[in-house]
Amino acid sequence: MTKTETHKYALLIPTSMGIRLTPVNSQPFHCSDTFKMQATSAESNVASVVSYLGMPVKILTAFVKGSPISHFIKDNLKSRRMDFEGREFEQGGPWGYRHQINMADSGWGSRGPRVHNDRAGEVGRELSADDFDFERIFAKEGAKIVHLSGLIAALSPKTSKFCLDIARIAKKNGSLISFDLNHRASFWKGREKELSEIFAEIASISDILIGNEEDFQLCLGIEGPQAGGKGLEEKIDSFKEMISRVQKAYPNAAYFGTTLREVISANSHMWGALVTDKKSWEIIKPREIGVLDRIGGGDGFVGGLLYGILKGWDVAKCARFGWATGALATTMLTDYAQPADEEQVWSIWEGNARVKR
């Protein structure tokens, strides 16, 4: 493959799409009988910030042939202004393939949200480079940034290889690689050595590395912030030291980021972030934000950060925009941010919640 000189897409993301069921009126799942259904995945959450703000996005995924849920997901991705492609798998009978189901309530006040994932038979576990024309996708079409998530990289042995194949090919063809580590203990159980090696290789060729303190420790073996009873703001120096250790271990990356969150109640969080481009730091001390539904806030941050990088902004502007798109996501019933325009996002950063007429 030859390195592409033009890029059709601003952002390209592999993902396993599914549905989320959320009780209405912020009720617990186990005692509800009325639910809102949405198409979802952590990775498409990230892409939504970029697509809603007018940049071309492509999703690589897998579908169940003839499934009404697949139909629903495709319609949703189109409504989010995203291109997509993926193999259509035969269901194989009632006990065959299907899309993941995420059962998640939003919590309220002192009652925290609860999430239960049902991923049995998930079609996205079959994602493979064999099902895509990588020559066309990466050498002819091209993407400025390819964003990978640790959720997909650890979902199954097939998807681990899929993400590694994408990272290698995208790098050869001039894409920046973004990697959000997203550690999930249940995905890693019994595969620790294998996944540590895969994650280390992806991280070694990544240009943008994102994760929280547990992600960097458990995925890459980087020592985290010092434990203790300090408040979140007082721990910022420890977080900076952790990021500095990541920089030394993975010197090829140009951007490093982490979010800071302290939960006051289900509806009120302290929200901050740290981002560096190795030349300067942008430290956003935790500020209180109102929360309708916390799920997707971290993905919203990543989406806003990547949007800023795509726009060529400096590190401070990228981080602030990411902070604000993360805060925006927590105000929405969907778990992805749907910014109307940049002005709306900057109003959130400025703390301006006055009516706009």
Protein backbone atom coordinates (compact mmCIF):
# COMPACT_ATOMS: atom_id res chain seq x y z
CA MET A 1 0.00 0.00 0.00
CA THR A 2 1.17 3.53 -0.73
CA LYS A 3 0.67 6.42 1.65
CA THR A 4 -2.43 8.42 0.74
CA GLU A 5 -1.91 12.13 0.15
CA THR A 6 -5.58 13.06 0.55
CA HIS A 7 -8.12 11.98 3.11
CA LYS A 8 -11.79 11.47 2.35
CA TYR A 9 -12.65 11.15 6.04
CA ALA A 10 -11.72 13.28 9.01
CA LEU A 11 -12.28 10.35 11.36
CA LEU A 12 -12.54 6.59 10.91
CA ILE A 13 -13.56 4.29 13.74
CA PRO A 14 -14.01 0.51 14.09
CA THR A 15 -16.79 -0.42 16.48
CA SER A 16 -19.35 -3.02 17.49
CA MET A 17 -22.76 -1.36 17.42
CA GLY A 18 -25.59 -2.31 19.73
CA ILE A 19 -28.63 -0.92 21.49
CA ARG A 20 -29.08 0.72 24.87
CA LEU A 21 -32.29 0.37 26.86
CA THR A 22 -32.85 3.15 29.40
CA PRO A 23 -35.82 3.46 31.78
CA VAL A 24 -37.80 6.67 31.40
CA ASN A 25 -37.91 9.33 34.13
CA SER A 26 -34.53 8.29 35.60
CA GLN A 27 -35.99 5.15 37.19
CA PRO A 28 -33.99 2.00 38.08
CA PHE A 29 -33.95 -0.67 35.40
CA HIS A 30 -35.12 -3.57 37.55
CA CYS A 31 -38.47 -1.99 38.46
CA SER A 32 -39.29 -0.25 35.17
CA ASP A 33 -41.62 -1.30 32.38
CA THR A 34 -41.09 1.56 29.90
CA PHE A 35 -37.77 2.12 28.16
CA LYS A 36 -36.11 4.34 25.58
CA MET A 37 -34.07 2.44 22.98
CA GLN A 38 -31.09 3.97 21.20
CA ALA A 39 -28.30 2.73 18.95
CA THR A 40 -25.00 2.93 20.75
CA SER A 41 -21.33 2.15 21.10
CA ALA A 42 -18.57 3.98 22.93
CA GLU A 43 -16.68 4.53 19.69
CA SER A 44 -19.61 5.95 17.72
CA ASN A 45 -20.21 8.25 20.71
CA VAL A 46 -16.76 9.72 20.05
CA ALA A 47 -17.46 10.07 16.33
CA SER A 48 -20.75 11.92 16.90
CA VAL A 49 -19.06 15.12 18.06
CA VAL A 50 -17.08 15.28 14.83
CA SER A 51 -19.95 14.29 12.51
CA TYR A 52 -22.51 16.67 14.03
CA LEU A 53 -20.03 19.52 13.58
CA GLY A 54 -19.81 18.81 9.88
CA MET A 55 -16.73 16.67 9.36
CA PRO A 56 -16.93 13.39 7.37
CA VAL A 57 -16.86 10.25 9.52
CA LYS A 58 -16.80 6.55 8.67
CA ILE A 59 -17.68 3.58 10.87
CA LEU A 60 -16.34 0.05 10.28
CA THR A 61 -18.60 -2.50 11.95
CA ALA A 62 -20.62 -5.71 11.48
CA PHE A 63 -24.34 -6.36 11.09
CA VAL A 64 -26.81 -9.23 11.44
CA LYS A 65 -28.45 -9.78 8.06
CA GLY A 66 -32.18 -9.12 8.09
CA SER A 67 -32.24 -8.05 11.74
CA PRO A 68 -34.63 -5.20 12.62
CA ILE A 69 -32.01 -4.06 15.14
CA SER A 70 -29.44 -3.82 12.35
CA HIS A 71 -31.95 -1.77 10.36
CA PHE A 72 -32.48 0.50 13.37
CA ILE A 73 -28.71 0.95 13.84
CA LYS A 74 -28.11 1.78 10.17
CA ASP A 75 -30.87 4.39 10.20
CA ASN A 76 -29.42 5.90 13.36
CA LEU A 77 -25.89 6.14 11.95
CA LYS A 78 -27.27 7.83 8.83
CA SER A 79 -29.13 10.31 11.03
CA ARG A 80 -25.82 11.09 12.72
CA ARG A 81 -24.35 11.93 9.28
CA MET A 82 -21.94 8.99 9.31
CA ASP A 83 -20.89 6.67 6.52
CA PHE A 84 -20.54 3.02 7.49
CA GLU A 85 -19.72 -0.38 6.09
CA GLY A 86 -19.57 -3.87 7.46
CA ARG A 87 -20.19 -7.49 6.64
CA GLU A 88 -23.73 -8.83 6.94
CA PHE A 89 -23.63 -12.04 9.00
CA GLU A 90 -26.41 -14.59 8.75
CA GLN A 91 -28.10 -14.81 12.14
CA GLY A 92 -27.82 -18.57 12.21
CA GLY A 93 -31.13 -19.19 13.96
CA PRO A 94 -32.54 -17.91 17.27
CA TRP A 95 -29.33 -18.82 19.11
CA GLY A 96 -26.96 -17.22 16.60
CA TYR A 97 -25.59 -13.73 16.17
CA ARG A 98 -27.13 -10.53 17.47
CA HIS A 99 -26.11 -7.01 18.50
CA GLN A 100 -25.06 -6.23 22.07
CA ILE A 101 -27.67 -4.98 24.53
CA ASN A 102 -26.71 -2.34 27.09
CA MET A 103 -29.19 -2.06 29.97
CA ALA A 104 -28.44 1.16 31.80
CA ASP A 105 -30.40 3.50 34.03
CA SER A 106 -29.30 7.07 34.67
CA GLY A 107 -29.44 7.15 38.46
CA TRP A 108 -30.88 10.04 40.38
CA GLY A 109 -29.58 12.04 43.34
CA SER A 110 -28.01 9.69 45.86
CA ARG A 111 -28.84 6.61 43.73
CA GLY A 112 -26.03 5.96 41.30
CA PRO A 113 -26.61 4.61 37.79
CA ARG A 114 -26.33 0.88 37.15
CA VAL A 115 -25.22 -0.72 33.90
CA HIS A 116 -25.60 -4.33 32.78
CA ASN A 117 -24.09 -5.46 29.47
CA ASP A 118 -25.46 -8.48 27.59
CA ARG A 119 -22.96 -9.30 24.85
CA ALA A 120 -23.76 -12.98 24.26
CA GLY A 121 -23.62 -13.79 20.56
CA GLU A 122 -22.39 -10.28 19.73
CA VAL A 123 -21.79 -10.02 15.99
CA GLY A 124 -19.08 -7.41 16.50
CA ARG A 125 -16.82 -10.06 18.03
CA GLU A 126 -16.34 -11.36 14.48
CA LEU A 127 -14.77 -8.16 13.10
CA SER A 128 -11.85 -9.07 10.85
CA ALA A 129 -9.63 -7.39 8.26
CA ASP A 130 -10.67 -10.17 5.85
CA ASP A 131 -14.12 -8.58 5.58
CA PHE A 132 -12.91 -5.13 4.45
CA ASP A 133 -11.01 -3.74 1.47
CA PHE A 134 -8.18 -2.07 3.35
CA GLU A 135 -6.50 -0.97 0.10
CA ARG A 136 -9.54 1.14 -0.75
CA ILE A 137 -10.32 2.28 2.79
CA PHE A 138 -6.85 3.37 3.87
CA ALA A 139 -4.80 3.89 0.69
CA LYS A 140 -7.46 5.36 -1.61
CA GLU A 141 -10.07 6.94 0.68
CA GLY A 142 -7.93 7.64 3.73
CA ALA A 143 -8.68 9.19 7.12
CA LYS A 144 -6.93 12.01 8.95
CA ILE A 145 -7.42 10.27 12.30
CA VAL A 146 -8.19 6.61 12.99
CA HIS A 147 -9.59 6.23 16.49
CA LEU A 148 -9.26 2.91 18.30
CA SER A 149 -10.82 1.90 21.59
CA GLY A 150 -9.58 -0.65 24.09
CA LEU A 151 -13.13 -2.00 24.25
CA ILE A 152 -12.92 -3.22 20.67
CA ALA A 153 -9.24 -4.14 20.94
CA ALA A 154 -10.09 -6.50 23.82
CA LEU A 155 -13.56 -7.69 22.80
CA SER A 156 -12.35 -10.97 21.25
CA PRO A 157 -9.15 -12.45 19.78
CA LYS A 158 -10.49 -11.57 16.31
CA THR A 159 -11.17 -7.94 17.18
CA SER A 160 -7.78 -7.63 18.90
CA LYS A 161 -6.08 -8.64 15.65
CA PHE A 162 -8.50 -6.42 13.70
CA CYS A 163 -7.50 -3.32 15.67
CA LEU A 164 -3.81 -4.16 15.40
CA ASP A 165 -4.16 -4.64 11.63
CA ILE A 166 -5.95 -1.29 11.34
CA ALA A 167 -3.33 0.53 13.40
CA ARG A 168 -0.47 -0.81 11.29
CA ILE A 169 -2.14 -0.11 7.93
CA ALA A 170 -3.52 3.30 8.89
CA LYS A 171 -0.08 4.40 10.08
CA LYS A 172 1.52 3.35 6.78
CA ASN A 173 -1.06 5.42 4.94
CA GLY A 174 -0.55 8.68 6.78
CA SER A 175 -3.35 8.61 9.36
CA LEU A 176 -2.88 9.79 12.91
CA ILE A 177 -3.73 7.03 15.40
CA SER A 178 -5.83 7.84 18.46
CA PHE A 179 -6.08 5.18 21.17
CA ASP A 180 -8.47 5.39 24.13
CA LEU A 181 -7.37 2.53 26.37
CA ASN A 182 -10.78 1.84 27.98
CA HIS A 183 -9.81 -1.09 30.21
CA ARG A 184 -12.54 -3.60 31.08
CA ALA A 185 -11.53 -6.29 33.55
CA SER A 186 -14.06 -8.83 32.24
CA PHE A 187 -12.62 -8.54 28.72
CA TRP A 188 -9.06 -9.03 29.95
CA LYS A 189 -9.69 -12.04 32.20
CA GLY A 190 -7.45 -14.90 31.09
CA ARG A 191 -5.94 -12.84 28.24
CA GLU A 192 -3.70 -10.49 30.22
CA LYS A 193 -0.38 -11.37 28.57
CA GLU A 194 -1.81 -11.42 25.04
CA LEU A 195 -3.66 -8.12 25.42
CA SER A 196 -0.76 -6.38 27.17
CA GLU A 197 1.42 -7.07 24.12
CA ILE A 198 -1.26 -5.94 21.65
CA PHE A 199 -2.08 -2.76 23.58
CA ALA A 200 1.62 -1.93 23.92
CA GLU A 201 2.13 -2.22 20.17
CA ILE A 202 -0.89 -0.08 19.33
CA ALA A 203 0.21 2.50 21.90
CA SER A 204 3.74 2.53 20.46
CA ILE A 205 2.48 3.73 17.06
CA SER A 206 -0.28 5.99 18.41
CA ASP A 207 -0.18 9.77 18.07
CA ILE A 208 -2.87 10.41 20.69
CA LEU A 209 -3.11 8.38 23.91
CA ILE A 210 -6.11 8.76 26.23
CA GLY A 211 -7.02 7.01 29.44
CA ASN A 212 -7.70 7.35 33.14
CA GLU A 213 -5.37 6.26 35.91
CA GLU A 214 -6.62 2.66 35.89
CA ASP A 215 -6.38 2.42 32.10
CA PHE A 216 -2.71 3.39 32.02
CA GLN A 217 -1.88 1.07 34.90
CA LEU A 218 -3.83 -2.00 33.82
CA CYS A 219 -3.38 -1.76 30.04
CA LEU A 220 0.18 -0.46 29.78
CA GLY A 221 1.68 -1.17 33.21
CA ILE A 222 2.33 2.52 33.94
CA GLU A 223 2.42 3.50 37.61
CA GLY A 224 -0.66 5.54 38.48
CA PRO A 225 -1.22 8.53 40.77
CA GLN A 226 -0.35 8.15 44.41
CA ALA A 227 -3.21 6.82 46.49
CA GLY A 228 -4.47 8.85 49.38
CA GLY A 229 -7.33 10.80 50.85
CA LYS A 230 -6.63 13.98 48.88
CA GLY A 231 -9.35 15.64 46.90
CA LEU A 232 -9.29 15.45 43.13
CA GLU A 233 -7.81 18.91 42.61
CA GLU A 234 -5.00 18.18 45.05
CA LYS A 235 -4.10 15.06 43.03
CA ILE A 236 -3.44 16.94 39.79
CA ASP A 237 0.33 16.87 40.25
CA SER A 238 0.18 13.09 40.67
CA PHE A 239 -1.83 12.80 37.46
CA LYS A 240 0.74 14.95 35.65
CA GLU A 241 3.50 12.69 36.91
CA MET A 242 1.61 9.66 35.61
CA ILE A 243 1.21 11.24 32.16
CA SER A 244 4.91 12.08 32.18
CA ARG A 245 5.69 8.40 32.76
CA VAL A 246 3.43 7.49 29.84
CA GLN A 247 5.28 10.03 27.67
CA LYS A 248 8.62 8.44 28.47
CA ALA A 249 7.31 4.94 27.75
CA TYR A 250 5.60 5.95 24.48
CA PRO A 251 7.61 8.84 23.03
CA ASN A 252 6.10 8.62 19.55
CA ALA A 253 2.76 10.00 20.73
CA ALA A 254 2.20 13.74 20.41
CA TYR A 255 -0.88 14.14 22.65
CA PHE A 256 -1.74 12.63 26.01
CA GLY A 257 -4.99 13.16 27.86
CA THR A 258 -7.01 12.11 30.88
CA THR A 259 -10.26 13.27 32.44
CA LEU A 260 -10.87 14.04 36.10
CA ARG A 261 -14.22 13.25 37.68
CA GLU A 262 -15.56 13.42 41.21
CA VAL A 263 -19.16 12.39 41.82
CA ILE A 264 -21.13 14.64 44.17
CA SER A 265 -24.43 12.99 43.26
CA ALA A 266 -25.82 11.26 40.19
CA ASN A 267 -26.85 14.69 38.92
CA SER A 268 -23.83 16.75 39.90
CA HIS A 269 -20.19 16.00 39.10
CA MET A 270 -16.89 17.81 39.39
CA TRP A 271 -15.42 17.57 35.87
CA GLY A 272 -11.86 18.35 34.80
CA ALA A 273 -9.15 17.27 32.38
CA LEU A 274 -5.42 17.21 31.73
CA VAL A 275 -3.99 17.32 28.20
CA THR A 276 -0.45 17.84 26.97
CA ASP A 277 1.16 18.01 23.54
CA LYS A 278 4.61 17.47 25.14
CA LYS A 279 5.35 21.20 24.79
CA SER A 280 2.70 22.59 27.12
CA TRP A 281 -0.01 21.45 29.51
CA GLU A 282 -3.64 22.44 29.70
CA ILE A 283 -4.94 21.70 33.19
CA ILE A 284 -8.67 22.14 33.64
CA LYS A 285 -9.39 22.07 37.34
CA PRO A 286 -12.60 20.23 38.20
CA ARG A 287 -15.70 22.39 37.84
CA GLU A 288 -19.23 21.42 38.80
CA ILE A 289 -21.49 20.33 35.96
CA GLY A 290 -25.13 19.25 35.95
CA VAL A 291 -25.69 15.65 34.86
CA LEU A 292 -28.80 14.19 33.28
CA ASP A 293 -27.04 10.94 32.33
CA ARG A 294 -23.33 10.43 32.92
CA ILE A 295 -22.82 7.64 30.39
CA GLY A 296 -20.89 8.91 27.37
CA GLY A 297 -19.29 11.90 29.04
CA GLY A 298 -15.79 10.51 28.61
CA ASP A 299 -16.49 9.65 24.98
CA GLY A 300 -17.76 13.20 24.46
CA PHE A 301 -14.47 14.53 25.81
CA VAL A 302 -12.48 12.39 23.37
CA GLY A 303 -14.67 13.47 20.46
CA GLY A 304 -14.17 17.15 21.26
CA LEU A 305 -10.43 16.71 21.74
CA LEU A 306 -10.11 14.98 18.36
CA TYR A 307 -12.24 17.66 16.71
CA GLY A 308 -9.86 20.32 18.00
CA ILE A 309 -6.83 18.40 16.74
CA LEU A 310 -8.51 18.05 13.33
CA LYS A 311 -9.10 21.81 13.32
CA GLY A 312 -5.43 22.46 14.09
CA TRP A 313 -6.10 24.22 17.39
CA ASP A 314 -3.51 24.58 20.14
CA VAL A 315 -3.55 22.16 23.05
CA ALA A 316 -5.41 24.53 25.40
CA LYS A 317 -8.26 25.09 22.95
CA CYS A 318 -8.49 21.36 22.15
CA ALA A 319 -8.69 20.42 25.83
CA ARG A 320 -11.29 23.06 26.66
CA PHE A 321 -13.48 22.07 23.75
CA GLY A 322 -13.21 18.41 24.79
CA TRP A 323 -14.13 19.29 28.38
CA ALA A 324 -17.20 21.13 27.10
CA THR A 325 -18.36 18.39 24.68
CA GLY A 326 -17.99 15.89 27.51
CA ALA A 327 -20.14 18.12 29.71
CA LEU A 328 -22.63 18.49 26.84
CA ALA A 329 -22.98 14.71 26.49
CA THR A 330 -24.04 14.38 30.13
CA THR A 331 -26.99 16.72 29.52
CA MET A 332 -28.51 14.52 26.82
CA LEU A 333 -30.80 11.49 26.84
CA THR A 334 -28.57 9.86 24.21
CA ASP A 335 -25.15 8.81 25.46
CA TYR A 336 -23.50 10.80 22.68
CA ALA A 337 -23.19 14.56 22.33
CA GLN A 338 -25.13 16.24 19.52
CA PRO A 339 -23.67 19.74 19.37
CA ALA A 340 -25.71 22.23 17.35
CA ASP A 341 -22.58 24.21 16.50
CA GLU A 342 -19.24 25.28 17.98
CA GLU A 343 -20.87 28.28 19.65
CA GLN A 344 -23.05 26.02 21.79
CA VAL A 345 -19.98 24.11 22.97
CA TRP A 346 -18.04 27.27 23.81
CA SER A 347 -21.03 28.59 25.78
CA ILE A 348 -20.77 25.51 27.98
CA TRP A 349 -17.07 26.17 28.53
CA GLU A 350 -17.78 29.80 29.41
CA GLY A 351 -20.53 28.81 31.85
CA ASN A 352 -23.12 30.72 29.86
CA ALA A 353 -26.43 28.86 30.21
CA ARG A 354 -28.61 31.84 29.35
CA VAL A 355 -31.33 31.39 26.76
CA LYS A 356 -30.33 32.05 23.14
CA ARG A 357 -33.14 33.56 21.08
